[in-house]
C-alpha atoms as a PDB file:
ATOM      1  CA  MET A   1    -113.794 -21.207  91.492  1.00  0.00           C
ATOM      2  CA  ASN A   2    -113.174 -24.101  89.249  1.00  0.00           C
ATOM      3  CA  ALA A   3    -116.138 -26.023  87.913  1.00  0.00           C
ATOM      4  CA  PRO A   4    -116.356 -29.672  88.961  1.00  0.00           C
ATOM      5  CA  PRO A   5    -115.007 -32.053  86.370  1.00  0.00           C
ATOM      6  CA  THR A   6    -117.541 -33.433  83.953  1.00  0.00           C
ATOM      7  CA  PRO A   7    -117.835 -37.210  84.108  1.00  0.00           C
ATOM      8  CA  GLY A   8    -116.441 -38.776  80.961  1.00  0.00           C
ATOM      9  CA  ARG A   9    -115.953 -42.099  79.405  1.00  0.00           C
ATOM     10  CA  GLY A  10    -112.267 -42.210  80.299  1.00  0.00           C
ATOM     11  CA  PRO A  11    -109.390 -42.708  77.903  1.00  0.00           C
ATOM     12  CA  ARG A  12    -110.306 -44.464  74.704  1.00  0.00           C
ATOM     13  CA  ARG A  13    -108.679 -47.850  74.440  1.00  0.00           C
ATOM     14  CA  PHE A  14    -107.863 -49.305  71.092  1.00  0.00           C
ATOM     15  CA  GLY A  15    -108.296 -52.996  70.557  1.00  0.00           C
ATOM     16  CA  TRP A  16    -110.515 -55.578  68.944  1.00  0.00           C
ATOM     17  CA  PRO A  17    -113.788 -53.918  67.807  1.00  0.00           C
ATOM     18  CA  GLN A  18    -116.971 -54.907  69.596  1.00  0.00           C
ATOM     19  CA  ARG A  19    -119.541 -54.493  66.817  1.00  0.00           C
ATOM     20  CA  VAL A  20    -120.558 -57.529  64.795  1.00  0.00           C
ATOM     21  CA  PHE A  21    -120.097 -55.569  61.562  1.00  0.00           C
ATOM     22  CA  SER A  22    -116.511 -54.607  62.373  1.00  0.00           C
ATOM     23  CA  GLN A  23    -115.496 -58.028  63.673  1.00  0.00           C
ATOM     24  CA  VAL A  24    -116.930 -59.941  60.730  1.00  0.00           C
ATOM     25  CA  LEU A  25    -115.455 -57.477  58.223  1.00  0.00           C
ATOM     26  CA  LEU A  26    -111.981 -57.693  59.765  1.00  0.00           C
ATOM     27  CA  MET A  27    -112.089 -61.492  59.927  1.00  0.00           C
ATOM     28  CA  GLN A  28    -113.208 -61.758  56.316  1.00  0.00           C
ATOM     29  CA  LEU A  29    -110.524 -59.310  55.169  1.00  0.00           C
ATOM     30  CA  ALA A  30    -107.882 -61.261  57.089  1.00  0.00           C
ATOM     31  CA  ILE A  31    -108.983 -64.526  55.468  1.00  0.00           C
ATOM     32  CA  ILE A  32    -109.119 -63.005  51.977  1.00  0.00           C
ATOM     33  CA  THR A  33    -105.695 -61.386  52.399  1.00  0.00           C
ATOM     34  CA  GLY A  34    -104.169 -64.603  53.693  1.00  0.00           C
ATOM     35  CA  VAL A  35    -105.610 -66.672  50.858  1.00  0.00           C
ATOM     36  CA  THR A  36    -104.446 -64.106  48.277  1.00  0.00           C
ATOM     37  CA  ILE A  37    -100.897 -64.126  49.660  1.00  0.00           C
ATOM     38  CA  LEU A  38    -100.870 -67.927  49.772  1.00  0.00           C
ATOM     39  CA  VAL A  39    -102.117 -68.301  46.196  1.00  0.00           C
ATOM     40  CA  THR A  40     -99.614 -65.693  44.972  1.00  0.00           C
ATOM     41  CA  GLY A  41     -96.776 -67.540  46.682  1.00  0.00           C
ATOM     42  CA  LEU A  42     -97.936 -70.895  45.323  1.00  0.00           C
ATOM     43  CA  PHE A  43     -97.969 -69.397  41.827  1.00  0.00           C
ATOM     44  CA  LEU A  44     -94.559 -67.732  42.112  1.00  0.00           C
ATOM     45  CA  ALA A  45     -92.769 -70.860  43.354  1.00  0.00           C
ATOM     46  CA  PRO A  46     -93.495 -73.020  40.268  1.00  0.00           C
ATOM     47  CA  LEU A  47     -93.079 -69.969  38.008  1.00  0.00           C
ATOM     48  CA  SER A  48     -89.475 -69.605  39.166  1.00  0.00           C
ATOM     49  CA  GLU A  49     -88.844 -73.294  38.526  1.00  0.00           C
ATOM     50  CA  GLN A  50     -90.465 -73.072  35.091  1.00  0.00           C
ATOM     51  CA  LEU A  51     -88.283 -70.117  34.107  1.00  0.00           C
ATOM     52  CA  ASP A  52     -85.166 -71.968  35.289  1.00  0.00           C
ATOM     53  CA  ASP A  53     -86.179 -75.014  33.266  1.00  0.00           C
ATOM     54  CA  GLN A  54     -86.875 -72.914  30.172  1.00  0.00           C
ATOM     55  CA  ALA A  55     -83.460 -71.236  30.452  1.00  0.00           C
ATOM     56  CA  MET A  56     -81.673 -74.569  30.855  1.00  0.00           C
ATOM     57  CA  ARG A  57     -83.510 -76.091  27.901  1.00  0.00           C
ATOM     58  CA  ARG A  58     -82.687 -73.048  25.771  1.00  0.00           C
ATOM     59  CA  ALA A  59     -79.012 -73.331  26.712  1.00  0.00           C
ATOM     60  CA  LEU A  60     -79.077 -77.038  25.875  1.00  0.00           C
ATOM     61  CA  ALA A  61     -80.671 -76.381  22.469  1.00  0.00           C
ATOM     62  CA  ILE A  62     -77.985 -73.796  21.607  1.00  0.00           C
ATOM     63  CA  ALA A  63     -75.274 -76.227  22.685  1.00  0.00           C
ATOM     64  CA  GLN A  64     -76.790 -79.001  20.554  1.00  0.00           C
ATOM     65  CA  SER A  65     -76.934 -76.811  17.444  1.00  0.00           C
ATOM     66  CA  THR A  66     -73.343 -75.642  18.031  1.00  0.00           C
ATOM     67  CA  ALA A  67     -72.088 -79.195  18.476  1.00  0.00           C
ATOM     68  CA  ALA A  68     -73.767 -80.155  15.202  1.00  0.00           C
ATOM     69  CA  ASP A  69     -71.643 -77.640  13.243  1.00  0.00           C
ATOM     70  CA  PRO A  70     -69.145 -79.725  11.187  1.00  0.00           C
ATOM     71  CA  ASP A  71     -66.709 -76.804  10.914  1.00  0.00           C
ATOM     72  CA  ILE A  72     -66.385 -76.604  14.689  1.00  0.00           C
ATOM     73  CA  VAL A  73     -65.808 -80.369  14.863  1.00  0.00           C
ATOM     74  CA  ALA A  74     -63.119 -80.217  12.171  1.00  0.00           C
ATOM     75  CA  ASN A  75     -61.374 -77.114  13.537  1.00  0.00           C
ATOM     76  CA  LEU A  76     -61.299 -78.453  17.096  1.00  0.00           C
ATOM     77  CA  SER A  77     -59.163 -81.351  15.887  1.00  0.00           C
ATOM     78  CA  SER A  78     -57.016 -79.428  13.418  1.00  0.00           C
ATOM     79  CA  THR A  79     -56.292 -76.058  15.068  1.00  0.00           C
ATOM     80  CA  ASP A  80     -54.839 -74.808  18.324  1.00  0.00           C
ATOM     81  CA  PRO A  81     -56.841 -72.736  20.821  1.00  0.00           C
ATOM     82  CA  SER A  82     -56.429 -69.018  20.130  1.00  0.00           C
ATOM     83  CA  ASP A  83     -58.439 -65.824  20.429  1.00  0.00           C
ATOM     84  CA  GLY A  84     -58.543 -65.409  16.653  1.00  0.00           C
ATOM     85  CA  GLY A  85     -59.045 -69.066  15.771  1.00  0.00           C
ATOM     86  CA  PRO A  86     -61.969 -70.419  13.723  1.00  0.00           C
ATOM     87  CA  VAL A  87     -63.544 -72.172  16.715  1.00  0.00           C
ATOM     88  CA  GLN A  88     -63.561 -68.949  18.750  1.00  0.00           C
ATOM     89  CA  SER A  89     -65.008 -66.997  15.806  1.00  0.00           C
ATOM     90  CA  ALA A  90     -67.790 -69.536  15.225  1.00  0.00           C
ATOM     91  CA  ALA A  91     -68.649 -69.739  18.934  1.00  0.00           C
ATOM     92  CA  GLU A  92     -68.834 -65.958  19.242  1.00  0.00           C
ATOM     93  CA  ARG A  93     -71.176 -65.726  16.243  1.00  0.00           C
ATOM     94  CA  VAL A  94     -73.505 -68.204  17.929  1.00  0.00           C
ATOM     95  CA  ARG A  95     -73.297 -66.345  21.242  1.00  0.00           C
ATOM     96  CA  ARG A  96     -74.157 -62.968  19.708  1.00  0.00           C
ATOM     97  CA  ALA A  97     -76.954 -64.425  17.575  1.00  0.00           C
ATOM     98  CA  THR A  98     -78.644 -66.253  20.476  1.00  0.00           C
ATOM     99  CA  GLY A  99     -77.974 -63.803  23.307  1.00  0.00           C
ATOM    100  CA  ALA A 100     -76.261 -66.480  25.388  1.00  0.00           C
ATOM    101  CA  GLU A 101     -73.815 -65.390  28.073  1.00  0.00           C
ATOM    102  CA  TYR A 102     -71.133 -67.708  26.760  1.00  0.00           C
ATOM    103  CA  VAL A 103     -70.524 -70.513  24.262  1.00  0.00           C
ATOM    104  CA  VAL A 104     -67.503 -72.557  25.285  1.00  0.00           C
ATOM    105  CA  VAL A 105     -66.046 -75.279  23.082  1.00  0.00           C
ATOM    106  CA  MET A 106     -63.538 -77.569  24.808  1.00  0.00           C
ATOM    107  CA  ASN A 107     -61.487 -80.604  23.894  1.00  0.00           C
ATOM    108  CA  GLN A 108     -61.554 -83.959  25.663  1.00  0.00           C
ATOM    109  CA  ARG A 109     -59.263 -82.682  28.431  1.00  0.00           C
ATOM    110  CA  GLY A 110     -61.543 -79.715  29.194  1.00  0.00           C
ATOM    111  CA  VAL A 111     -59.268 -77.114  27.580  1.00  0.00           C
ATOM    112  CA  ARG A 112     -61.196 -74.146  26.173  1.00  0.00           C
ATOM    113  CA  TRP A 113     -61.084 -73.376  22.443  1.00  0.00           C
ATOM    114  CA  SER A 114     -63.557 -70.504  22.883  1.00  0.00           C
ATOM    115  CA  HIS A 115     -64.692 -68.093  25.606  1.00  0.00           C
ATOM    116  CA  PRO A 116     -66.114 -64.525  25.713  1.00  0.00           C
ATOM    117  CA  ASP A 117     -63.043 -63.546  27.736  1.00  0.00           C
ATOM    118  CA  THR A 118     -60.249 -64.344  25.282  1.00  0.00           C
ATOM    119  CA  HIS A 119     -57.693 -64.478  28.115  1.00  0.00           C
ATOM    120  CA  ARG A 120     -59.326 -67.700  29.301  1.00  0.00           C
ATOM    121  CA  ILE A 121     -58.901 -69.503  25.975  1.00  0.00           C
ATOM    122  CA  GLY A 122     -56.405 -72.356  26.341  1.00  0.00           C
ATOM    123  CA  ALA A 123     -57.160 -72.809  30.048  1.00  0.00           C
ATOM    124  CA  VAL A 124     -59.135 -75.646  31.625  1.00  0.00           C
ATOM    125  CA  VAL A 125     -62.835 -74.965  32.262  1.00  0.00           C
ATOM    126  CA  SER A 126     -63.844 -73.958  35.810  1.00  0.00           C
ATOM    127  CA  THR A 127     -66.711 -76.454  36.198  1.00  0.00           C
ATOM    128  CA  ASP A 128     -66.676 -80.216  35.825  1.00  0.00           C
ATOM    129  CA  PRO A 129     -67.376 -81.283  32.198  1.00  0.00           C
ATOM    130  CA  GLY A 130     -67.141 -84.974  33.027  1.00  0.00           C
ATOM    131  CA  GLU A 131     -70.740 -85.927  32.213  1.00  0.00           C
ATOM    132  CA  ALA A 132     -70.645 -84.248  28.786  1.00  0.00           C
ATOM    133  CA  LEU A 133     -67.215 -85.749  27.979  1.00  0.00           C
ATOM    134  CA  ARG A 134     -68.662 -89.164  28.802  1.00  0.00           C
ATOM    135  CA  GLY A 135     -71.322 -88.654  26.138  1.00  0.00           C
ATOM    136  CA  ARG A 136     -74.245 -87.419  28.250  1.00  0.00           C
ATOM    137  CA  GLU A 137     -76.190 -84.165  27.966  1.00  0.00           C
ATOM    138  CA  VAL A 138     -76.427 -82.017  31.083  1.00  0.00           C
ATOM    139  CA  MET A 139     -78.773 -79.231  32.214  1.00  0.00           C
ATOM    140  CA  GLU A 140     -77.987 -77.372  35.432  1.00  0.00           C
ATOM    141  CA  ILE A 141     -77.888 -74.099  37.321  1.00  0.00           C
ATOM    142  CA  ASP A 142     -74.287 -73.477  38.375  1.00  0.00           C
ATOM    143  CA  SER A 143     -71.698 -70.758  38.993  1.00  0.00           C
ATOM    144  CA  GLY A 144     -68.516 -70.276  36.976  1.00  0.00           C
ATOM    145  CA  THR A 145     -66.076 -67.590  35.910  1.00  0.00           C
ATOM    146  CA  LEU A 146     -68.914 -65.392  34.600  1.00  0.00           C
ATOM    147  CA  GLY A 147     -71.214 -65.891  37.580  1.00  0.00           C
ATOM    148  CA  ARG A 148     -74.362 -67.928  38.068  1.00  0.00           C
ATOM    149  CA  SER A 149     -76.051 -69.199  34.914  1.00  0.00           C
ATOM    150  CA  ALA A 150     -78.447 -71.764  33.474  1.00  0.00           C
ATOM    151  CA  ARG A 151     -76.279 -74.215  31.569  1.00  0.00           C
ATOM    152  CA  GLY A 152     -76.539 -76.806  28.875  1.00  0.00           C
ATOM    153  CA  LYS A 153     -73.616 -79.139  28.112  1.00  0.00           C
ATOM    154  CA  VAL A 154     -73.480 -81.629  25.251  1.00  0.00           C
ATOM    155  CA  PRO A 155     -70.743 -83.955  23.942  1.00  0.00           C
ATOM    156  CA  LEU A 156     -68.930 -83.087  20.726  1.00  0.00           C
ATOM    157  CA  PHE A 157     -68.585 -86.148  18.507  1.00  0.00           C
ATOM    158  CA  GLY A 158     -65.887 -86.665  15.906  1.00  0.00           C
ATOM    159  CA  PRO A 159     -66.337 -88.090  12.395  1.00  0.00           C
ATOM    160  CA  SER A 160     -66.091 -91.640  13.731  1.00  0.00           C
ATOM    161  CA  GLY A 161     -68.630 -91.085  16.502  1.00  0.00           C
ATOM    162  CA  GLU A 162     -66.117 -90.803  19.315  1.00  0.00           C
ATOM    163  CA  VAL A 163     -66.299 -87.983  21.868  1.00  0.00           C
ATOM    164  CA  ILE A 164     -63.620 -85.400  21.035  1.00  0.00           C
ATOM    165  CA  GLY A 165     -64.826 -82.629  23.322  1.00  0.00           C
ATOM    166  CA  ALA A 166     -67.916 -80.811  24.564  1.00  0.00           C
ATOM    167  CA  VAL A 167     -69.890 -77.610  24.127  1.00  0.00           C
ATOM    168  CA  SER A 168     -71.105 -75.661  27.163  1.00  0.00           C
ATOM    169  CA  VAL A 169     -73.621 -72.825  26.790  1.00  0.00           C
ATOM    170  CA  GLY A 170     -74.765 -70.539  29.595  1.00  0.00           C
ATOM    171  CA  ILE A 171     -77.769 -68.238  29.932  1.00  0.00           C
ATOM    172  CA  ALA A 172     -77.131 -65.492  32.495  1.00  0.00           C
ATOM    173  CA  TYR A 173     -79.146 -66.173  35.625  1.00  0.00           C
ATOM    174  CA  ASP A 174     -79.777 -62.441  35.947  1.00  0.00           C
ATOM    175  CA  SER A 175     -81.860 -62.614  32.768  1.00  0.00           C
ATOM    176  CA  VAL A 176     -83.903 -65.471  34.236  1.00  0.00           C
ATOM    177  CA  ARG A 177     -84.419 -63.482  37.417  1.00  0.00           C
ATOM    178  CA  ALA A 178     -85.334 -60.416  35.362  1.00  0.00           C
ATOM    179  CA  ARG A 179     -88.085 -62.398  33.621  1.00  0.00           C
ATOM    180  CA  LEU A 180     -89.393 -63.495  36.988  1.00  0.00           C
ATOM    181  CA  LEU A 181     -89.350 -59.936  38.319  1.00  0.00           C
ATOM    182  CA  ALA A 182     -91.073 -58.726  35.154  1.00  0.00           C
ATOM    183  CA  ALA A 183     -93.898 -61.207  35.755  1.00  0.00           C
ATOM    184  CA  ILE A 184     -94.449 -60.114  39.355  1.00  0.00           C
ATOM    185  CA  PRO A 185     -96.218 -56.749  38.671  1.00  0.00           C
ATOM    186  CA  GLY A 186     -98.821 -58.422  36.487  1.00  0.00           C
ATOM    187  CA  LEU A 187     -99.323 -61.148  39.069  1.00  0.00           C
ATOM    188  CA  LEU A 188     -99.660 -58.597  41.849  1.00  0.00           C
ATOM    189  CA  ALA A 189    -102.181 -56.668  39.751  1.00  0.00           C
ATOM    190  CA  TYR A 190    -104.359 -59.778  39.454  1.00  0.00           C
ATOM    191  CA  ALA A 191    -103.896 -60.504  43.160  1.00  0.00           C
ATOM    192  CA  GLY A 192    -104.803 -56.907  44.015  1.00  0.00           C
ATOM    193  CA  GLY A 193    -107.906 -57.102  41.853  1.00  0.00           C
ATOM    194  CA  ALA A 194    -108.970 -60.340  43.519  1.00  0.00           C
ATOM    195  CA  LEU A 195    -108.312 -58.788  46.929  1.00  0.00           C
ATOM    196  CA  ALA A 196    -110.386 -55.714  46.041  1.00  0.00           C
ATOM    197  CA  VAL A 197    -113.318 -57.831  44.839  1.00  0.00           C
ATOM    198  CA  GLY A 198    -113.091 -59.978  47.960  1.00  0.00           C
ATOM    199  CA  ALA A 199    -112.947 -56.912  50.194  1.00  0.00           C
ATOM    200  CA  LEU A 200    -116.024 -55.434  48.497  1.00  0.00           C
ATOM    201  CA  ALA A 201    -117.923 -58.701  48.896  1.00  0.00           C
ATOM    202  CA  ALA A 202    -116.871 -58.890  52.553  1.00  0.00           C
ATOM    203  CA  TYR A 203    -118.053 -55.313  53.104  1.00  0.00           C
ATOM    204  CA  LEU A 204    -121.459 -55.963  51.516  1.00  0.00           C
ATOM    205  CA  ILE A 205    -121.949 -59.148  53.530  1.00  0.00           C
ATOM    206  CA  SER A 206    -120.929 -57.372  56.726  1.00  0.00           C
ATOM    207  CA  ARG A 207    -123.285 -54.462  55.993  1.00  0.00           C
ATOM    208  CA  ARG A 208    -126.176 -56.862  55.536  1.00  0.00           C
ATOM    209  CA  LEU A 209    -125.261 -58.562  58.800  1.00  0.00           C
ATOM    210  CA  GLN A 210    -125.037 -55.147  60.454  1.00  0.00           C
ATOM    211  CA  ARG A 211    -128.604 -54.308  59.412  1.00  0.00           C
ATOM    212  CA  GLN A 212    -129.909 -57.663  60.587  1.00  0.00           C
ATOM    213  CA  THR A 213    -128.195 -57.422  63.983  1.00  0.00           C
ATOM    214  CA  HIS A 214    -128.930 -53.682  64.426  1.00  0.00           C
ATOM    215  CA  ASP A 215    -125.177 -53.050  64.756  1.00  0.00           C
ATOM    216  CA  LEU A 216    -125.014 -54.729  68.145  1.00  0.00           C
ATOM    217  CA  ALA A 217    -121.936 -56.289  69.671  1.00  0.00           C
ATOM    218  CA  PHE A 218    -121.790 -60.050  70.123  1.00  0.00           C
ATOM    219  CA  SER A 219    -121.916 -59.525  73.885  1.00  0.00           C
ATOM    220  CA  ASP A 220    -125.065 -57.388  73.495  1.00  0.00           C
ATOM    221  CA  ILE A 221    -126.758 -60.072  71.394  1.00  0.00           C
ATOM    222  CA  SER A 222    -125.843 -62.716  73.948  1.00  0.00           C
ATOM    223  CA  ALA A 223    -127.152 -60.529  76.772  1.00  0.00           C
ATOM    224  CA  LEU A 224    -130.420 -59.895  74.919  1.00  0.00           C
ATOM    225  CA  LEU A 225    -130.960 -63.607  74.394  1.00  0.00           C
ATOM    226  CA  THR A 226    -130.225 -64.313  78.046  1.00  0.00           C
ATOM    227  CA  GLU A 227    -132.596 -61.571  79.183  1.00  0.00           C
ATOM    228  CA  ARG A 228    -135.318 -62.776  76.815  1.00  0.00           C
ATOM    229  CA  GLU A 229    -135.034 -66.322  78.095  1.00  0.00           C
ATOM    230  CA  ALA A 230    -135.136 -65.129  81.702  1.00  0.00           C
ATOM    231  CA  MET A 231    -138.176 -62.939  81.034  1.00  0.00           C
ATOM    232  CA  LEU A 232    -140.131 -65.530  79.056  1.00  0.00           C
ATOM    233  CA  HIS A 233    -139.575 -68.285  81.567  1.00  0.00           C
ATOM    234  CA  GLY A 234    -140.069 -66.044  84.598  1.00  0.00           C
ATOM    235  CA  ILE A 235    -143.446 -64.420  83.823  1.00  0.00           C
ATOM    236  CA  ARG A 236    -146.794 -65.949  84.849  1.00  0.00           C
ATOM    237  CA  GLU A 237    -148.287 -65.630  81.372  1.00  0.00           C
ATOM    238  CA  GLY A 238    -148.035 -68.518  78.997  1.00  0.00           C
ATOM    239  CA  VAL A 239    -146.325 -67.486  75.766  1.00  0.00           C
ATOM    240  CA  VAL A 240    -146.621 -69.475  72.547  1.00  0.00           C
ATOM    241  CA  ALA A 241    -145.007 -68.194  69.335  1.00  0.00           C
ATOM    242  CA  LEU A 242    -145.847 -69.678  65.943  1.00  0.00           C
ATOM    243  CA  ASP A 243    -144.104 -69.231  62.614  1.00  0.00           C
ATOM    244  CA  GLY A 244    -145.827 -68.584  59.302  1.00  0.00           C
ATOM    245  CA  ALA A 245    -146.384 -72.305  58.741  1.00  0.00           C
ATOM    246  CA  GLY A 246    -148.115 -72.767  62.077  1.00  0.00           C
ATOM    247  CA  ARG A 247    -145.200 -74.523  63.795  1.00  0.00           C
ATOM    248  CA  VAL A 248    -144.413 -73.837  67.431  1.00  0.00           C
ATOM    249  CA  ARG A 249    -141.312 -71.648  67.593  1.00  0.00           C
ATOM    250  CA  LEU A 250    -141.343 -70.771  71.273  1.00  0.00           C
ATOM    251  CA  LEU A 251    -143.066 -72.214  74.321  1.00  0.00           C
ATOM    252  CA  ASN A 252    -142.285 -70.879  77.787  1.00  0.00           C
ATOM    253  CA  ASP A 253    -142.630 -72.788  81.063  1.00  0.00           C
ATOM    254  CA  GLU A 254    -146.071 -71.413  81.943  1.00  0.00           C
ATOM    255  CA  ALA A 255    -147.446 -72.246  78.486  1.00  0.00           C
ATOM    256  CA  GLN A 256    -146.109 -75.780  78.821  1.00  0.00           C
ATOM    257  CA  ARG A 257    -147.877 -76.118  82.190  1.00  0.00           C
ATOM    258  CA  LEU A 258    -151.184 -74.687  80.987  1.00  0.00           C
ATOM    259  CA  LEU A 259    -151.273 -76.674  77.755  1.00  0.00           C
ATOM    260  CA  GLY A 260    -149.817 -79.850  79.189  1.00  0.00           C
ATOM    261  CA  LEU A 261    -146.911 -79.875  76.729  1.00  0.00           C
ATOM    262  CA  GLY A 262    -143.191 -80.484  76.997  1.00  0.00           C
ATOM    263  CA  PRO A 263    -140.162 -78.823  75.382  1.00  0.00           C
ATOM    264  CA  GLU A 264    -140.323 -81.340  72.543  1.00  0.00           C
ATOM    265  CA  ALA A 265    -143.360 -79.488  71.153  1.00  0.00           C
ATOM    266  CA  ALA A 266    -141.083 -76.791  69.733  1.00  0.00           C
ATOM    267  CA  GLY A 267    -140.732 -77.131  65.975  1.00  0.00           C
ATOM    268  CA  ARG A 268    -143.900 -79.197  65.533  1.00  0.00           C
ATOM    269  CA  PRO A 269    -147.198 -77.992  64.019  1.00  0.00           C
ATOM    270  CA  LEU A 270    -149.664 -76.628  66.560  1.00  0.00           C
ATOM    271  CA  GLU A 271    -152.423 -79.006  65.417  1.00  0.00           C
ATOM    272  CA  GLU A 272    -150.081 -81.937  65.950  1.00  0.00           C
ATOM    273  CA  VAL A 273    -149.214 -81.087  69.537  1.00  0.00           C
ATOM    274  CA  LEU A 274    -152.661 -79.835  70.668  1.00  0.00           C
ATOM    275  CA  GLY A 275    -155.035 -81.524  68.272  1.00  0.00           C
ATOM    276  CA  ASP A 276    -158.198 -79.915  66.972  1.00  0.00           C
ATOM    277  CA  GLY A 277    -160.163 -77.701  69.306  1.00  0.00           C
ATOM    278  CA  ARG A 278    -160.854 -74.192  70.485  1.00  0.00           C
ATOM    279  CA  THR A 279    -157.419 -73.774  72.086  1.00  0.00           C
ATOM    280  CA  THR A 280    -155.716 -74.530  68.791  1.00  0.00           C
ATOM    281  CA  ASP A 281    -158.036 -72.193  66.903  1.00  0.00           C
ATOM    282  CA  VAL A 282    -157.486 -69.360  69.409  1.00  0.00           C
ATOM    283  CA  LEU A 283    -153.706 -69.723  69.461  1.00  0.00           C
ATOM    284  CA  ALA A 284    -153.530 -70.045  65.677  1.00  0.00           C
ATOM    285  CA  GLY A 285    -155.583 -66.866  65.261  1.00  0.00           C
ATOM    286  CA  ARG A 286    -158.451 -68.532  63.465  1.00  0.00           C
ATOM    287  CA  VAL A 287    -160.858 -67.285  66.160  1.00  0.00           C
ATOM    288  CA  VAL A 288    -160.624 -63.529  66.717  1.00  0.00           C
ATOM    289  CA  GLY A 289    -162.171 -61.210  69.246  1.00  0.00           C
ATOM    290  CA  ASP A 290    -161.593 -59.744  72.707  1.00  0.00           C
ATOM    291  CA  ASP A 291    -161.019 -61.783  75.867  1.00  0.00           C
ATOM    292  CA  LEU A 292    -161.247 -65.144  74.115  1.00  0.00           C
ATOM    293  CA  LEU A 293    -161.039 -67.989  76.621  1.00  0.00           C
ATOM    294  CA  ALA A 294    -159.871 -71.500  75.957  1.00  0.00           C
ATOM    295  CA  TYR A 295    -160.330 -74.059  78.749  1.00  0.00           C
ATOM    296  CA  GLY A 296    -157.956 -76.924  79.304  1.00  0.00           C
ATOM    297  CA  ALA A 297    -157.256 -79.478  81.984  1.00  0.00           C
ATOM    298  CA  ALA A 298    -154.787 -77.195  83.779  1.00  0.00           C
ATOM    299  CA  GLY A 299    -156.800 -74.018  83.450  1.00  0.00           C
ATOM    300  CA  CYS A 300    -157.716 -71.516  80.786  1.00  0.00           C
ATOM    301  CA  CYS A 301    -155.817 -69.092  78.612  1.00  0.00           C
ATOM    302  CA  TRP A 302    -156.400 -66.367  76.072  1.00  0.00           C
ATOM    303  CA  PRO A 303    -154.076 -64.651  73.655  1.00  0.00           C
ATOM    304  CA  THR A 304    -154.063 -61.194  75.245  1.00  0.00           C
ATOM    305  CA  GLY A 305    -154.331 -61.747  78.975  1.00  0.00           C
ATOM    306  CA  CYS A 306    -152.772 -63.464  81.940  1.00  0.00           C
ATOM    307  CA  PRO A 307    -153.431 -67.173  82.398  1.00  0.00           C
ATOM    308  CA  ARG A 308    -155.689 -68.185  85.221  1.00  0.00           C
ATOM    309  CA  THR A 309    -156.288 -71.582  86.748  1.00  0.00           C
ATOM    310  CA  THR A 310    -159.748 -73.063  87.012  1.00  0.00           C
ATOM    311  CA  ALA A 311    -159.540 -72.702  90.787  1.00  0.00           C
ATOM    312  CA  GLU A 312    -159.711 -68.926  90.518  1.00  0.00           C
ATOM    313  CA  PRO A 313    -163.172 -67.244  90.446  1.00  0.00           C
ATOM    314  CA  TRP A 314    -164.350 -65.499  87.282  1.00  0.00           C
END
């Protein structure tokens, strides 16, 4: 014969926790995590822009120093573009010394006198050099024959001050991205540390709250308050609660009737709402003893018994 099934709690359902400790901890962790992610993102966005700007400025500085070389200026006007020409040799020395992706010297028509790929020497550049050939310096992120790069373009001036060509220098965008990626682990380490400290603080705060609420659920606390209010206002005894400073903290309906007070008495000193007298002394605990009576207009009361009206016999 099979034994009858033992009553159980049924299948356990997973969802939002009921305890105050768990709810507060999860909410705090969610806020801390969200703020950490937001701050990390806000830091990474300008960091990427700063690295792009640094790469473009570096490319521009290399282009400016190359354009200031008098040998390059002289050879651009006096030699033809070739893979073994003096302009190509000078540009390659600059490229290797600075780590740039390319150093391209061009004439006023945009024809290359130098390029890392010697097969492209003598051909027209792939991107528009118009701004530099009009005498203006340019910084940009653009794509060309060697891929995406941070670029600096400057005009190349002849002996008389006229524009005879331009110098374009590129910093590989992969190197800029590599610097950004290299900065991410350190940033994530700081973010992780901040998240850990925040999580620990959230845990300690939640533990303190757990002790103060006796690990009850919010619904349990609400039910307790409702039950307390129903009990206090439903009993025939008058209940008056005072804090350490002698202020009225709680006053149920029966106490209001017996003492002739209204709800506005809560939060005020007992002496202020009742004045001096035996009732005040008894309720404040300044008169001690058993079965202490205090008579008022509506009846009498004592701290440890049920209130009785004056119409009842003693």
